[in-house]
Amino acid sequence: MLTLTLKGLERDGLVTRTMYPTIPPRVDYELTELGRSLFVRCRALRVVTGKPAGDLAARETFRRRGQHGSPRTRLTVTK
């Protein structure tokens, strides 16, 4: 499901995909300028409505534990 979602985001111009021919294979995803502009607008909407996107405590716990899942895939959000 994640792969399909990322392919859809790439198709729509929101992310770029870079594949590295390593063993194991490595793939990086990065927001495009369009993706960054959408991210900024979503964040602003969250601030205006006063409703966080998800449980902030859960996000903080996840952040403290570090990256989980496949070490071969990384999504980079650049400000």
N, C-alpha and C. Protein backbone atom coordinates (compact mmCIF):
# COMPACT_ATOMS: atom_id res chain seq x y z
N MET A 1 0.83 -1.19 0.00
CA MET A 1 0.00 0.00 0.00
C MET A 1 0.87 1.26 0.00
N LEU A 2 1.95 1.26 0.76
CA LEU A 2 2.84 2.41 0.79
C LEU A 2 3.44 2.67 -0.59
N THR A 3 3.84 1.60 -1.26
CA THR A 3 4.42 1.74 -2.60
C THR A 3 3.43 2.38 -3.56
N LEU A 4 2.17 1.95 -3.51
CA LEU A 4 1.15 2.53 -4.39
C LEU A 4 0.93 4.00 -4.07
N THR A 5 0.93 4.35 -2.80
CA THR A 5 0.73 5.74 -2.39
C THR A 5 1.90 6.60 -2.88
N LEU A 6 3.13 6.11 -2.69
CA LEU A 6 4.29 6.87 -3.14
C LEU A 6 4.33 7.02 -4.65
N LYS A 7 3.94 5.97 -5.38
CA LYS A 7 3.88 6.06 -6.84
C LYS A 7 2.85 7.09 -7.29
N GLY A 8 1.72 7.13 -6.58
CA GLY A 8 0.70 8.13 -6.89
C GLY A 8 1.18 9.54 -6.62
N LEU A 9 1.89 9.74 -5.52
CA LEU A 9 2.44 11.05 -5.21
C LEU A 9 3.49 11.46 -6.23
N GLU A 10 4.28 10.49 -6.70
CA GLU A 10 5.28 10.77 -7.73
C GLU A 10 4.59 11.13 -9.05
N ARG A 11 3.56 10.38 -9.40
CA ARG A 11 2.80 10.63 -10.64
C ARG A 11 2.19 12.04 -10.64
N ASP A 12 1.73 12.48 -9.45
CA ASP A 12 1.09 13.79 -9.33
C ASP A 12 2.08 14.92 -9.15
N GLY A 13 3.38 14.61 -9.12
CA GLY A 13 4.39 15.65 -9.05
C GLY A 13 4.66 16.17 -7.65
N LEU A 14 4.25 15.41 -6.62
CA LEU A 14 4.44 15.86 -5.24
C LEU A 14 5.76 15.37 -4.64
N VAL A 15 6.28 14.25 -5.14
CA VAL A 15 7.55 13.73 -4.67
C VAL A 15 8.41 13.29 -5.85
N THR A 16 9.72 13.26 -5.62
CA THR A 16 10.63 12.69 -6.59
C THR A 16 11.22 11.42 -5.98
N ARG A 17 11.55 10.48 -6.83
CA ARG A 17 12.07 9.18 -6.38
C ARG A 17 13.46 9.01 -6.97
N THR A 18 14.42 8.69 -6.09
CA THR A 18 15.78 8.42 -6.53
C THR A 18 16.15 7.03 -6.07
N MET A 19 16.52 6.16 -7.03
CA MET A 19 16.89 4.79 -6.70
C MET A 19 18.39 4.64 -6.85
N TYR A 20 19.02 3.97 -5.88
CA TYR A 20 20.45 3.74 -5.89
C TYR A 20 20.71 2.25 -6.09
N PRO A 21 21.60 1.90 -7.03
CA PRO A 21 21.86 0.48 -7.32
C PRO A 21 22.82 -0.14 -6.30
N THR A 22 22.34 -0.27 -5.09
CA THR A 22 23.14 -0.88 -4.02
C THR A 22 22.49 -2.18 -3.59
N ILE A 23 23.19 -2.92 -2.77
CA ILE A 23 22.63 -4.15 -2.20
C ILE A 23 22.64 -3.98 -0.69
N PRO A 24 21.50 -3.94 -0.03
CA PRO A 24 20.15 -3.96 -0.61
C PRO A 24 19.84 -2.65 -1.32
N PRO A 25 18.85 -2.67 -2.21
CA PRO A 25 18.51 -1.45 -2.95
C PRO A 25 18.09 -0.33 -2.00
N ARG A 26 18.41 0.89 -2.40
CA ARG A 26 18.03 2.06 -1.60
C ARG A 26 17.22 3.00 -2.48
N VAL A 27 16.12 3.50 -1.93
CA VAL A 27 15.27 4.44 -2.64
C VAL A 27 14.99 5.62 -1.71
N ASP A 28 15.22 6.84 -2.22
CA ASP A 28 14.91 8.05 -1.46
C ASP A 28 13.76 8.77 -2.13
N TYR A 29 12.87 9.32 -1.32
CA TYR A 29 11.78 10.15 -1.81
C TYR A 29 11.95 11.53 -1.21
N GLU A 30 11.71 12.55 -2.03
CA GLU A 30 11.83 13.92 -1.56
C GLU A 30 10.67 14.73 -2.11
N LEU A 31 10.14 15.62 -1.27
CA LEU A 31 9.06 16.49 -1.73
C LEU A 31 9.57 17.42 -2.82
N THR A 32 8.75 17.61 -3.84
CA THR A 32 9.05 18.59 -4.88
C THR A 32 8.62 19.96 -4.37
N GLU A 33 8.86 20.99 -5.16
CA GLU A 33 8.40 22.33 -4.79
C GLU A 33 6.88 22.34 -4.60
N LEU A 34 6.17 21.65 -5.47
CA LEU A 34 4.71 21.55 -5.35
C LEU A 34 4.34 20.83 -4.05
N GLY A 35 5.03 19.75 -3.75
CA GLY A 35 4.77 19.01 -2.51
C GLY A 35 5.03 19.84 -1.28
N ARG A 36 6.11 20.63 -1.29
CA ARG A 36 6.43 21.50 -0.15
C ARG A 36 5.36 22.56 0.02
N SER A 37 4.87 23.12 -1.10
CA SER A 37 3.83 24.15 -0.99
C SER A 37 2.55 23.57 -0.40
N LEU A 38 2.22 22.34 -0.78
CA LEU A 38 1.04 21.68 -0.22
C LEU A 38 1.24 21.40 1.27
N PHE A 39 2.43 20.96 1.64
CA PHE A 39 2.75 20.69 3.05
C PHE A 39 2.57 21.95 3.88
N VAL A 40 3.06 23.08 3.39
CA VAL A 40 2.93 24.35 4.12
C VAL A 40 1.47 24.72 4.29
N ARG A 41 0.68 24.53 3.26
CA ARG A 41 -0.75 24.87 3.34
C ARG A 41 -1.48 23.95 4.32
N CYS A 42 -1.14 22.68 4.33
CA CYS A 42 -1.78 21.75 5.27
C CYS A 42 -1.41 22.10 6.71
N ARG A 43 -0.16 22.46 6.92
CA ARG A 43 0.28 22.85 8.26
C ARG A 43 -0.46 24.11 8.71
N ALA A 44 -0.63 25.08 7.80
CA ALA A 44 -1.36 26.31 8.13
C ALA A 44 -2.81 26.00 8.45
N LEU A 45 -3.42 25.10 7.71
CA LEU A 45 -4.80 24.71 7.96
C LEU A 45 -4.94 24.08 9.34
N ARG A 46 -3.97 23.26 9.70
CA ARG A 46 -3.97 22.62 11.02
C ARG A 46 -3.89 23.68 12.12
N VAL A 47 -3.07 24.71 11.92
CA VAL A 47 -2.94 25.78 12.91
C VAL A 47 -4.23 26.57 13.02
N VAL A 48 -4.83 26.91 11.89
CA VAL A 48 -6.06 27.70 11.86
C VAL A 48 -7.20 26.97 12.54
N THR A 49 -7.33 25.68 12.28
CA THR A 49 -8.44 24.92 12.85
C THR A 49 -8.18 24.51 14.29
N GLY A 50 -6.91 24.57 14.70
CA GLY A 50 -6.58 24.17 16.06
C GLY A 50 -6.63 22.67 16.27
N LYS A 51 -6.66 21.92 15.17
CA LYS A 51 -6.75 20.47 15.28
C LYS A 51 -5.49 19.83 14.73
N PRO A 52 -4.73 19.18 15.58
CA PRO A 52 -3.52 18.52 15.09
C PRO A 52 -3.86 17.35 14.19
N ALA A 53 -2.98 17.06 13.26
CA ALA A 53 -3.16 15.92 12.37
C ALA A 53 -2.60 14.69 13.06
N GLY A 54 -3.40 14.06 13.88
CA GLY A 54 -2.95 12.88 14.60
C GLY A 54 -2.64 13.20 16.05
N ASP A 55 -2.28 12.22 16.78
CA ASP A 55 -1.97 12.35 18.20
C ASP A 55 -0.53 12.83 18.36
N LEU A 56 -0.36 14.02 18.91
CA LEU A 56 0.98 14.60 19.04
C LEU A 56 1.86 13.79 19.99
N ALA A 57 1.29 13.22 21.02
CA ALA A 57 2.08 12.41 21.95
C ALA A 57 2.63 11.17 21.24
N ALA A 58 1.82 10.56 20.40
CA ALA A 58 2.27 9.38 19.64
C ALA A 58 3.38 9.77 18.68
N ARG A 59 3.25 10.93 18.05
CA ARG A 59 4.29 11.38 17.13
C ARG A 59 5.60 11.63 17.86
N GLU A 60 5.52 12.21 19.05
CA GLU A 60 6.73 12.49 19.81
C GLU A 60 7.40 11.18 20.24
N THR A 61 6.63 10.21 20.66
CA THR A 61 7.17 8.90 21.03
C THR A 61 7.86 8.26 19.83
N PHE A 62 7.23 8.32 18.67
CA PHE A 62 7.81 7.76 17.45
C PHE A 62 9.12 8.46 17.11
N ARG A 63 9.14 9.79 17.21
CA ARG A 63 10.34 10.56 16.89
C ARG A 63 11.50 10.18 17.81
N ARG A 64 11.21 9.98 19.09
CA ARG A 64 12.27 9.63 20.05
C ARG A 64 12.84 8.25 19.77
N ARG A 65 12.01 7.34 19.28
CA ARG A 65 12.50 5.98 19.00
C ARG A 65 13.36 5.93 17.76
N GLY A 66 13.26 6.91 16.90
CA GLY A 66 14.06 6.93 15.67
C GLY A 66 13.31 6.31 14.52
N GLN A 67 14.00 6.17 13.41
CA GLN A 67 13.40 5.64 12.19
C GLN A 67 13.04 4.18 12.36
N HIS A 68 11.85 3.83 11.89
CA HIS A 68 11.38 2.44 11.93
C HIS A 68 11.07 1.97 10.53
N GLY A 69 10.92 0.71 10.38
CA GLY A 69 10.60 0.16 9.07
C GLY A 69 11.85 -0.10 8.28
N SER A 70 11.70 -0.12 6.98
CA SER A 70 12.80 -0.46 6.09
C SER A 70 13.87 0.62 6.10
N PRO A 71 15.12 0.27 6.37
CA PRO A 71 16.18 1.26 6.32
C PRO A 71 16.52 1.68 4.90
N ARG A 72 15.91 1.03 3.92
CA ARG A 72 16.22 1.31 2.52
C ARG A 72 15.37 2.46 1.95
N THR A 73 14.30 2.85 2.64
CA THR A 73 13.42 3.89 2.13
C THR A 73 13.42 5.06 3.09
N ARG A 74 13.60 6.26 2.53
CA ARG A 74 13.62 7.45 3.39
C ARG A 74 12.83 8.53 2.68
N LEU A 75 11.95 9.19 3.41
CA LEU A 75 11.20 10.33 2.87
C LEU A 75 11.76 11.58 3.51
N THR A 76 12.20 12.51 2.69
CA THR A 76 12.82 13.73 3.19
C THR A 76 11.89 14.89 2.98
N VAL A 77 11.63 15.65 4.04
CA VAL A 77 10.84 16.87 3.94
C VAL A 77 11.80 18.02 4.12
N THR A 78 12.00 18.79 3.08
CA THR A 78 12.94 19.91 3.12
C THR A 78 12.17 21.21 3.30
N LYS A 79 12.64 22.04 4.20
CA LYS A 79 11.94 23.31 4.43
C LYS A 79 12.41 24.37 3.48
